[in-house]
Amino acid sequence: MAFISTKNTIRLIKDYDLEQMKEIWNQHHQFLTSTGRIHTTKSIIKWYENRHNDFHEYYGYFIDSVLKGFIIVRNPKNSLWIKMLAVELGFQFQGVGRALLDFVIQKNEKNQTYTECLIGNIKGLNFLITYGFKIIKFDSEYNEYTLKHE
């Protein structure tokens, strides 16, 4: 399934997109996980290869076949979890993140959509709240908020 406009496409990430995904990940590594992990080519390939074990799906937003943002979702039985959302620095505030969220939420047949956001990621937290997520919990162990889309 792809969401297509004249030159923009949202589709599943393929193995040949991983180098571009690694570059975007590393621009935002301090906000994507509590460990602040930086990926190498080898580590992102290994991480991607294990996506099915945890029911993860990776989608990318492409402009002229070049990855500009990605979203990773975990799709358990009763809810959808948005695990990661990152947009190339030069393409933020241009609708890429919103398009990725719109895509996965419309694709989601479940009623509940959740995500987490590190407390230090003020820009990300404000974006999620503006999009319609509400803070429902704070986890002091991981120093992150849990948010639910309403």
N, C-alpha and C. Protein backbone atom coordinates (compact mmCIF):
# COMPACT_ATOMS: atom_id res chain seq x y z
N MET A 1 0.85 -1.17 0.00
CA MET A 1 0.00 0.00 0.00
C MET A 1 0.89 1.24 0.00
N ALA A 2 0.65 2.17 -0.86
CA ALA A 2 1.43 3.40 -0.93
C ALA A 2 0.50 4.60 -0.98
N PHE A 3 0.93 5.67 -0.37
CA PHE A 3 0.21 6.94 -0.37
C PHE A 3 0.98 7.83 -1.32
N ILE A 4 0.36 8.21 -2.45
CA ILE A 4 1.13 8.85 -3.52
C ILE A 4 0.52 10.19 -3.89
N SER A 5 1.37 11.20 -4.01
CA SER A 5 0.98 12.45 -4.65
C SER A 5 1.84 12.55 -5.90
N THR A 6 2.07 13.72 -6.43
CA THR A 6 2.80 13.82 -7.69
C THR A 6 4.22 13.27 -7.61
N LYS A 7 4.95 13.57 -6.54
CA LYS A 7 6.32 13.05 -6.46
C LYS A 7 6.64 12.48 -5.09
N ASN A 8 5.66 12.47 -4.18
CA ASN A 8 5.86 11.99 -2.83
C ASN A 8 5.17 10.64 -2.64
N THR A 9 5.83 9.72 -1.95
CA THR A 9 5.31 8.39 -1.74
C THR A 9 5.59 7.95 -0.31
N ILE A 10 4.62 7.28 0.30
CA ILE A 10 4.84 6.59 1.56
C ILE A 10 4.72 5.11 1.26
N ARG A 11 5.75 4.36 1.65
CA ARG A 11 5.75 2.92 1.41
C ARG A 11 6.60 2.24 2.46
N LEU A 12 6.51 0.91 2.48
CA LEU A 12 7.35 0.13 3.38
C LEU A 12 8.83 0.36 3.05
N ILE A 13 9.63 0.48 4.09
CA ILE A 13 11.09 0.59 3.91
C ILE A 13 11.62 -0.74 3.39
N LYS A 14 12.50 -0.69 2.45
CA LYS A 14 13.16 -1.88 1.90
C LYS A 14 14.62 -1.89 2.35
N ASP A 15 15.28 -3.01 2.20
CA ASP A 15 16.67 -3.10 2.65
C ASP A 15 17.57 -2.09 1.94
N TYR A 16 17.27 -1.74 0.71
CA TYR A 16 18.10 -0.77 0.00
C TYR A 16 17.87 0.68 0.46
N ASP A 17 16.90 0.90 1.35
CA ASP A 17 16.65 2.23 1.93
C ASP A 17 17.40 2.43 3.25
N LEU A 18 18.02 1.38 3.77
CA LEU A 18 18.56 1.43 5.13
C LEU A 18 19.70 2.44 5.31
N GLU A 19 20.49 2.63 4.29
CA GLU A 19 21.59 3.61 4.43
C GLU A 19 21.02 5.02 4.63
N GLN A 20 19.97 5.35 3.87
CA GLN A 20 19.31 6.65 4.05
C GLN A 20 18.63 6.73 5.41
N MET A 21 18.02 5.63 5.84
CA MET A 21 17.36 5.59 7.14
C MET A 21 18.38 5.79 8.26
N LYS A 22 19.53 5.18 8.13
CA LYS A 22 20.60 5.33 9.12
C LYS A 22 21.01 6.79 9.26
N GLU A 23 21.12 7.49 8.15
CA GLU A 23 21.52 8.90 8.19
C GLU A 23 20.49 9.75 8.93
N ILE A 24 19.20 9.51 8.67
CA ILE A 24 18.15 10.26 9.37
C ILE A 24 18.14 9.88 10.84
N TRP A 25 18.23 8.59 11.13
CA TRP A 25 18.28 8.13 12.52
C TRP A 25 19.38 8.85 13.29
N ASN A 26 20.58 8.89 12.71
CA ASN A 26 21.72 9.45 13.42
C ASN A 26 21.62 10.97 13.61
N GLN A 27 20.80 11.65 12.81
CA GLN A 27 20.53 13.07 13.04
C GLN A 27 19.72 13.28 14.32
N HIS A 28 18.96 12.25 14.71
CA HIS A 28 18.01 12.36 15.83
C HIS A 28 18.26 11.35 16.94
N HIS A 29 19.40 10.68 16.93
CA HIS A 29 19.64 9.55 17.83
C HIS A 29 19.39 9.88 19.29
N GLN A 30 19.67 11.07 19.73
CA GLN A 30 19.50 11.41 21.14
C GLN A 30 18.04 11.48 21.56
N PHE A 31 17.11 11.56 20.58
CA PHE A 31 15.69 11.65 20.89
C PHE A 31 14.91 10.38 20.55
N LEU A 32 15.52 9.42 19.88
CA LEU A 32 14.78 8.25 19.43
C LEU A 32 14.73 7.14 20.47
N THR A 33 15.74 7.02 21.30
CA THR A 33 15.74 6.01 22.36
C THR A 33 16.39 6.59 23.60
N SER A 34 16.11 5.99 24.71
CA SER A 34 16.70 6.47 25.97
C SER A 34 18.21 6.23 26.00
N THR A 35 18.72 5.33 25.16
CA THR A 35 20.16 5.07 25.11
C THR A 35 20.90 6.03 24.20
N GLY A 36 20.18 6.74 23.32
CA GLY A 36 20.83 7.66 22.39
C GLY A 36 21.69 6.93 21.36
N ARG A 37 21.29 5.74 21.01
CA ARG A 37 22.06 4.87 20.13
C ARG A 37 22.31 5.50 18.75
N ILE A 38 23.56 5.41 18.30
CA ILE A 38 23.93 5.78 16.94
C ILE A 38 24.08 4.48 16.16
N HIS A 39 23.51 4.43 14.96
CA HIS A 39 23.58 3.22 14.15
C HIS A 39 24.76 3.26 13.18
N THR A 40 25.34 2.10 12.97
CA THR A 40 26.26 1.87 11.87
C THR A 40 25.46 1.16 10.78
N THR A 41 26.03 1.00 9.61
CA THR A 41 25.33 0.26 8.56
C THR A 41 25.03 -1.15 9.03
N LYS A 42 25.99 -1.79 9.65
CA LYS A 42 25.82 -3.17 10.13
C LYS A 42 24.73 -3.26 11.19
N SER A 43 24.71 -2.32 12.14
CA SER A 43 23.73 -2.41 13.23
C SER A 43 22.31 -2.13 12.74
N ILE A 44 22.15 -1.22 11.80
CA ILE A 44 20.79 -0.94 11.33
C ILE A 44 20.26 -2.09 10.48
N ILE A 45 21.14 -2.76 9.75
CA ILE A 45 20.72 -3.94 8.97
C ILE A 45 20.25 -5.04 9.93
N LYS A 46 21.02 -5.28 10.98
CA LYS A 46 20.65 -6.31 11.96
C LYS A 46 19.33 -5.94 12.64
N TRP A 47 19.17 -4.70 13.03
CA TRP A 47 17.96 -4.22 13.67
C TRP A 47 16.75 -4.40 12.74
N TYR A 48 16.93 -4.03 11.47
CA TYR A 48 15.86 -4.15 10.47
C TYR A 48 15.49 -5.62 10.23
N GLU A 49 16.48 -6.48 10.19
CA GLU A 49 16.21 -7.90 9.94
C GLU A 49 15.38 -8.54 11.05
N ASN A 50 15.41 -7.99 12.25
CA ASN A 50 14.66 -8.53 13.38
C ASN A 50 13.27 -7.91 13.54
N ARG A 51 12.85 -7.06 12.61
CA ARG A 51 11.59 -6.32 12.77
C ARG A 51 10.37 -7.23 12.89
N HIS A 52 10.36 -8.36 12.22
CA HIS A 52 9.19 -9.24 12.25
C HIS A 52 9.02 -9.94 13.60
N ASN A 53 10.11 -10.14 14.31
CA ASN A 53 10.04 -10.80 15.62
C ASN A 53 9.22 -9.99 16.61
N ASP A 54 9.23 -8.68 16.48
CA ASP A 54 8.49 -7.80 17.39
C ASP A 54 7.29 -7.16 16.72
N PHE A 55 6.88 -7.67 15.56
CA PHE A 55 5.72 -7.16 14.83
C PHE A 55 5.87 -5.69 14.44
N HIS A 56 7.07 -5.29 14.07
CA HIS A 56 7.32 -3.91 13.66
C HIS A 56 7.18 -3.77 12.15
N GLU A 57 6.68 -2.62 11.74
CA GLU A 57 6.62 -2.25 10.33
C GLU A 57 7.32 -0.91 10.18
N TYR A 58 8.13 -0.78 9.14
CA TYR A 58 8.89 0.45 8.89
C TYR A 58 8.36 1.08 7.61
N TYR A 59 7.90 2.33 7.71
CA TYR A 59 7.41 3.07 6.55
C TYR A 59 8.27 4.30 6.33
N GLY A 60 8.46 4.64 5.07
CA GLY A 60 9.24 5.82 4.74
C GLY A 60 8.45 6.79 3.88
N TYR A 61 8.80 8.05 4.02
CA TYR A 61 8.25 9.12 3.18
C TYR A 61 9.35 9.47 2.19
N PHE A 62 9.05 9.30 0.91
CA PHE A 62 10.04 9.49 -0.15
C PHE A 62 9.64 10.65 -1.05
N ILE A 63 10.61 11.47 -1.39
CA ILE A 63 10.44 12.51 -2.39
C ILE A 63 11.38 12.15 -3.53
N ASP A 64 10.82 11.92 -4.70
CA ASP A 64 11.61 11.47 -5.85
C ASP A 64 12.51 10.29 -5.47
N SER A 65 11.94 9.32 -4.77
CA SER A 65 12.61 8.08 -4.36
C SER A 65 13.71 8.26 -3.32
N VAL A 66 13.82 9.44 -2.73
CA VAL A 66 14.82 9.69 -1.68
C VAL A 66 14.09 9.77 -0.34
N LEU A 67 14.53 8.96 0.62
CA LEU A 67 13.91 8.91 1.93
C LEU A 67 14.10 10.24 2.67
N LYS A 68 13.01 10.81 3.16
CA LYS A 68 13.06 12.08 3.89
C LYS A 68 12.56 11.95 5.32
N GLY A 69 11.91 10.84 5.63
CA GLY A 69 11.43 10.59 6.98
C GLY A 69 10.97 9.16 7.10
N PHE A 70 10.91 8.67 8.35
CA PHE A 70 10.43 7.31 8.55
C PHE A 70 9.62 7.23 9.84
N ILE A 71 8.78 6.20 9.89
CA ILE A 71 7.99 5.90 11.08
C ILE A 71 8.03 4.40 11.27
N ILE A 72 8.21 4.01 12.52
CA ILE A 72 8.22 2.59 12.87
C ILE A 72 7.04 2.35 13.80
N VAL A 73 6.22 1.37 13.46
CA VAL A 73 5.04 1.05 14.26
C VAL A 73 5.11 -0.40 14.71
N ARG A 74 4.57 -0.62 15.88
CA ARG A 74 4.40 -1.97 16.41
C ARG A 74 2.92 -2.22 16.47
N ASN A 75 2.50 -3.33 15.92
CA ASN A 75 1.08 -3.57 15.73
C ASN A 75 0.60 -4.78 16.52
N PRO A 76 0.49 -4.65 17.85
CA PRO A 76 -0.08 -5.77 18.61
C PRO A 76 -1.58 -5.86 18.38
N LYS A 77 -2.21 -6.83 18.99
CA LYS A 77 -3.62 -7.11 18.71
C LYS A 77 -4.58 -5.98 19.07
N ASN A 78 -4.38 -5.32 20.19
CA ASN A 78 -5.39 -4.37 20.65
C ASN A 78 -5.06 -2.91 20.42
N SER A 79 -3.85 -2.60 19.98
CA SER A 79 -3.50 -1.19 19.81
C SER A 79 -2.32 -1.07 18.86
N LEU A 80 -2.13 0.14 18.37
CA LEU A 80 -1.00 0.45 17.51
C LEU A 80 -0.04 1.33 18.30
N TRP A 81 1.23 0.96 18.30
CA TRP A 81 2.26 1.75 18.97
C TRP A 81 3.18 2.36 17.93
N ILE A 82 3.28 3.67 17.94
CA ILE A 82 4.25 4.35 17.10
C ILE A 82 5.54 4.37 17.90
N LYS A 83 6.54 3.64 17.41
CA LYS A 83 7.78 3.47 18.16
C LYS A 83 8.83 4.52 17.82
N MET A 84 8.87 4.96 16.59
CA MET A 84 9.85 5.96 16.16
C MET A 84 9.23 6.80 15.05
N LEU A 85 9.59 8.07 15.04
CA LEU A 85 9.22 8.97 13.96
C LEU A 85 10.37 9.96 13.82
N ALA A 86 10.95 10.03 12.65
CA ALA A 86 12.07 10.95 12.42
C ALA A 86 11.99 11.49 11.00
N VAL A 87 12.32 12.77 10.88
CA VAL A 87 12.31 13.46 9.59
C VAL A 87 13.67 14.11 9.40
N GLU A 88 14.21 13.99 8.20
CA GLU A 88 15.49 14.63 7.88
C GLU A 88 15.43 16.10 8.29
N LEU A 89 16.50 16.58 8.90
CA LEU A 89 16.49 17.93 9.46
C LEU A 89 16.05 19.00 8.46
N GLY A 90 16.49 18.93 7.25
CA GLY A 90 16.15 19.94 6.24
C GLY A 90 14.71 19.86 5.76
N PHE A 91 13.97 18.84 6.16
CA PHE A 91 12.58 18.66 5.71
C PHE A 91 11.58 18.72 6.85
N GLN A 92 12.03 19.10 8.04
CA GLN A 92 11.09 19.28 9.14
C GLN A 92 10.22 20.51 8.88
N PHE A 93 9.04 20.49 9.44
CA PHE A 93 8.06 21.59 9.31
C PHE A 93 7.56 21.75 7.87
N GLN A 94 7.62 20.65 7.10
CA GLN A 94 7.11 20.68 5.73
C GLN A 94 6.03 19.63 5.50
N GLY A 95 5.50 19.05 6.57
CA GLY A 95 4.39 18.11 6.46
C GLY A 95 4.78 16.65 6.36
N VAL A 96 6.07 16.33 6.41
CA VAL A 96 6.51 14.94 6.28
C VAL A 96 6.05 14.13 7.49
N GLY A 97 6.32 14.61 8.70
CA GLY A 97 5.91 13.89 9.91
C GLY A 97 4.41 13.73 10.01
N ARG A 98 3.69 14.79 9.68
CA ARG A 98 2.22 14.75 9.70
C ARG A 98 1.71 13.72 8.68
N ALA A 99 2.30 13.69 7.50
CA ALA A 99 1.87 12.73 6.48
C ALA A 99 2.11 11.28 6.95
N LEU A 100 3.24 11.04 7.60
CA LEU A 100 3.52 9.70 8.11
C LEU A 100 2.53 9.31 9.20
N LEU A 101 2.23 10.23 10.12
CA LEU A 101 1.24 9.94 11.16
C LEU A 101 -0.14 9.71 10.55
N ASP A 102 -0.55 10.57 9.62
CA ASP A 102 -1.84 10.39 8.94
C ASP A 102 -1.91 9.00 8.31
N PHE A 103 -0.85 8.60 7.65
CA PHE A 103 -0.82 7.32 6.95
C PHE A 103 -1.03 6.15 7.91
N VAL A 104 -0.25 6.09 8.99
CA VAL A 104 -0.36 4.93 9.89
C VAL A 104 -1.65 4.95 10.70
N ILE A 105 -2.13 6.13 11.05
CA ILE A 105 -3.38 6.18 11.81
C ILE A 105 -4.57 5.81 10.92
N GLN A 106 -4.58 6.26 9.66
CA GLN A 106 -5.65 5.87 8.74
C GLN A 106 -5.58 4.39 8.42
N LYS A 107 -4.37 3.86 8.32
CA LYS A 107 -4.17 2.44 8.03
C LYS A 107 -4.58 1.56 9.21
N ASN A 108 -4.50 2.12 10.40
CA ASN A 108 -4.78 1.39 11.62
C ASN A 108 -6.29 1.14 11.76
N GLU A 109 -6.66 -0.11 11.88
CA GLU A 109 -8.07 -0.46 12.04
C GLU A 109 -8.46 -0.49 13.51
N LYS A 110 -7.52 -0.31 14.39
CA LYS A 110 -7.77 -0.36 15.82
C LYS A 110 -8.16 1.02 16.33
N ASN A 111 -8.76 1.06 17.49
CA ASN A 111 -9.21 2.33 18.05
C ASN A 111 -8.12 3.06 18.83
N GLN A 112 -7.12 2.37 19.32
CA GLN A 112 -6.14 2.98 20.20
C GLN A 112 -4.79 3.10 19.51
N THR A 113 -4.22 4.30 19.55
CA THR A 113 -2.90 4.56 19.01
C THR A 113 -2.08 5.25 20.09
N TYR A 114 -0.90 4.71 20.36
CA TYR A 114 -0.03 5.22 21.41
C TYR A 114 1.36 5.52 20.86
N THR A 115 2.09 6.33 21.60
CA THR A 115 3.49 6.56 21.32
C THR A 115 4.19 6.96 22.61
N GLU A 116 5.49 7.02 22.55
CA GLU A 116 6.29 7.50 23.68
C GLU A 116 7.17 8.63 23.19
N CYS A 117 7.54 9.52 24.11
CA CYS A 117 8.40 10.64 23.76
C CYS A 117 9.29 10.94 24.96
N LEU A 118 10.58 11.00 24.72
CA LEU A 118 11.51 11.34 25.79
C LEU A 118 11.23 12.74 26.30
N ILE A 119 11.36 12.94 27.59
CA ILE A 119 11.02 14.21 28.21
C ILE A 119 11.83 15.38 27.63
N GLY A 120 13.07 15.12 27.21
CA GLY A 120 13.91 16.17 26.65
C GLY A 120 13.60 16.56 25.22
N ASN A 121 12.72 15.83 24.57
CA ASN A 121 12.38 16.08 23.17
C ASN A 121 11.19 17.04 23.10
N ILE A 122 11.42 18.28 23.45
CA ILE A 122 10.35 19.27 23.51
C ILE A 122 9.71 19.49 22.15
N LYS A 123 10.52 19.58 21.10
CA LYS A 123 9.98 19.79 19.76
C LYS A 123 9.08 18.63 19.35
N GLY A 124 9.53 17.40 19.62
CA GLY A 124 8.72 16.23 19.29
C GLY A 124 7.45 16.15 20.11
N LEU A 125 7.56 16.46 21.39
CA LEU A 125 6.38 16.43 22.26
C LEU A 125 5.35 17.46 21.82
N ASN A 126 5.79 18.67 21.51
CA ASN A 126 4.86 19.70 21.03
C ASN A 126 4.20 19.29 19.72
N PHE A 127 4.96 18.67 18.83
CA PHE A 127 4.40 18.19 17.56
C PHE A 127 3.30 17.16 17.82
N LEU A 128 3.58 16.19 18.70
CA LEU A 128 2.60 15.14 18.98
C LEU A 128 1.34 15.71 19.63
N ILE A 129 1.49 16.64 20.55
CA ILE A 129 0.34 17.25 21.20
C ILE A 129 -0.49 18.05 20.20
N THR A 130 0.19 18.79 19.33
CA THR A 130 -0.51 19.54 18.29
C THR A 130 -1.27 18.61 17.36
N TYR A 131 -0.71 17.43 17.11
CA TYR A 131 -1.36 16.45 16.23
C TYR A 131 -2.59 15.81 16.89
N GLY A 132 -2.69 15.86 18.21
CA GLY A 132 -3.86 15.29 18.88
C GLY A 132 -3.55 14.22 19.90
N PHE A 133 -2.28 14.01 20.22
CA PHE A 133 -1.91 13.07 21.27
C PHE A 133 -2.03 13.77 22.62
N LYS A 134 -2.39 12.99 23.64
CA LYS A 134 -2.49 13.48 25.02
C LYS A 134 -1.56 12.66 25.90
N ILE A 135 -0.87 13.32 26.82
CA ILE A 135 -0.01 12.62 27.77
C ILE A 135 -0.90 11.85 28.74
N ILE A 136 -0.61 10.54 28.88
CA ILE A 136 -1.39 9.74 29.81
C ILE A 136 -0.54 9.15 30.93
N LYS A 137 0.80 9.21 30.78
CA LYS A 137 1.65 8.60 31.79
C LYS A 137 3.07 9.14 31.65
N PHE A 138 3.80 9.15 32.77
CA PHE A 138 5.22 9.47 32.76
C PHE A 138 5.97 8.29 33.34
N ASP A 139 6.99 7.81 32.64
CA ASP A 139 7.82 6.69 33.09
C ASP A 139 9.16 7.24 33.54
N SER A 140 9.39 7.27 34.83
CA SER A 140 10.63 7.84 35.36
C SER A 140 11.84 6.96 35.09
N GLU A 141 11.63 5.67 34.89
CA GLU A 141 12.76 4.77 34.60
C GLU A 141 13.39 5.11 33.24
N TYR A 142 12.55 5.38 32.24
CA TYR A 142 13.03 5.70 30.90
C TYR A 142 12.99 7.20 30.62
N ASN A 143 12.47 7.98 31.56
CA ASN A 143 12.39 9.42 31.42
C ASN A 143 11.61 9.82 30.16
N GLU A 144 10.43 9.19 30.00
CA GLU A 144 9.61 9.44 28.82
C GLU A 144 8.13 9.48 29.16
N TYR A 145 7.41 10.17 28.30
CA TYR A 145 5.96 10.23 28.38
C TYR A 145 5.36 9.14 27.50
N THR A 146 4.22 8.62 27.92
CA THR A 146 3.37 7.81 27.06
C THR A 146 2.21 8.69 26.65
N LEU A 147 1.90 8.70 25.37
CA LEU A 147 0.83 9.53 24.83
C LEU A 147 -0.18 8.66 24.08
N LYS A 148 -1.43 9.08 24.10
CA LYS A 148 -2.50 8.39 23.36
C LYS A 148 -3.13 9.37 22.40
N HIS A 149 -3.36 8.90 21.18
CA HIS A 149 -4.03 9.73 20.17
C HIS A 149 -5.53 9.72 20.43
N GLU A 150 -6.12 10.91 20.41
CA GLU A 150 -7.57 11.00 20.65
C GLU A 150 -8.26 11.68 19.50
